[in-house]
Amino acid sequence: MKSSKPMDTYTKERRKSVITRLEKQLKDGTKPNKGTAQERKDNPFIPLTDKDVTRIKKDIEILKTRI
């Protein structure tokens, strides 16, 4: 059973910013590198895989329904 509690402004804005960030990743085709500090310094972004693209699209759709 879902709660009918109204969403606060902070939550709504956070979800909007997440959508913006994910859409930018899709457009650019890259994601932040989660490797070691040296790897992040040398190459801060790495290309998206097909699995990443599928996950990001799904996440965006879910977030849009929750705003």
Protein backbone atom coordinates (compact mmCIF):
# COMPACT_ATOMS: atom_id res chain seq x y z
CA MET A 1 0.00 0.00 0.00
CA LYS A 2 1.50 3.33 -1.08
CA SER A 3 1.61 6.32 1.19
CA SER A 4 -0.41 9.33 0.09
CA LYS A 5 2.03 11.69 1.83
CA PRO A 6 2.75 14.71 -0.38
CA MET A 7 6.27 14.91 -1.79
CA ASP A 8 8.45 17.65 -0.34
CA THR A 9 10.20 20.19 -2.54
CA TYR A 10 13.67 18.79 -1.82
CA THR A 11 12.73 15.30 -3.05
CA LYS A 12 11.09 16.66 -6.19
CA GLU A 13 14.11 18.84 -7.07
CA ARG A 14 16.53 16.01 -6.37
CA ARG A 15 14.67 13.71 -8.75
CA LYS A 16 14.64 16.41 -11.42
CA SER A 17 18.40 16.88 -11.07
CA VAL A 18 18.95 13.12 -11.30
CA ILE A 19 16.93 13.00 -14.53
CA THR A 20 18.99 15.87 -15.95
CA ARG A 21 22.25 14.15 -14.99
CA LEU A 22 21.18 10.80 -16.49
CA GLU A 23 19.99 12.43 -19.72
CA LYS A 24 23.37 14.20 -20.01
CA GLN A 25 25.15 10.86 -19.58
CA LEU A 26 23.03 9.36 -22.36
CA LYS A 27 23.69 12.34 -24.65
CA ASP A 28 27.45 12.32 -24.00
CA GLY A 29 27.72 8.52 -24.03
CA THR A 30 29.95 8.50 -20.94
CA LYS A 31 29.73 7.87 -17.22
CA PRO A 32 32.03 8.81 -14.32
CA ASN A 33 34.97 6.46 -13.80
CA LYS A 34 34.72 4.64 -10.46
CA GLY A 35 38.29 3.31 -10.53
CA THR A 36 41.22 4.24 -8.32
CA ALA A 37 42.17 7.86 -7.72
CA GLN A 38 44.90 7.64 -10.36
CA GLU A 39 42.52 6.08 -12.93
CA ARG A 40 39.96 8.85 -12.26
CA LYS A 41 42.67 11.48 -12.70
CA ASP A 42 43.89 9.95 -15.99
CA ASN A 43 40.44 9.23 -17.40
CA PRO A 44 37.53 10.74 -15.42
CA PHE A 45 34.85 9.41 -17.82
CA ILE A 46 34.39 6.04 -19.51
CA PRO A 47 32.04 5.02 -22.34
CA LEU A 48 28.58 3.65 -21.57
CA THR A 49 27.90 -0.01 -22.30
CA ASP A 50 24.64 -1.23 -23.85
CA LYS A 51 23.63 -2.46 -20.40
CA ASP A 52 24.24 1.03 -18.95
CA VAL A 53 22.09 2.65 -21.64
CA THR A 54 19.22 0.24 -20.95
CA ARG A 55 19.46 0.82 -17.19
CA ILE A 56 19.61 4.61 -17.52
CA LYS A 57 16.58 4.73 -19.82
CA LYS A 58 14.62 2.58 -17.38
CA ASP A 59 15.69 4.74 -14.42
CA ILE A 60 14.63 7.92 -16.25
CA GLU A 61 11.18 6.52 -17.01
CA ILE A 62 10.70 5.45 -13.38
CA LEU A 63 11.79 8.84 -12.05
CA LYS A 64 9.50 10.72 -14.46
CA THR A 65 6.50 8.81 -13.10
CA ARG A 66 7.50 9.70 -9.52
CA ILE A 67 7.79 13.46 -9.93
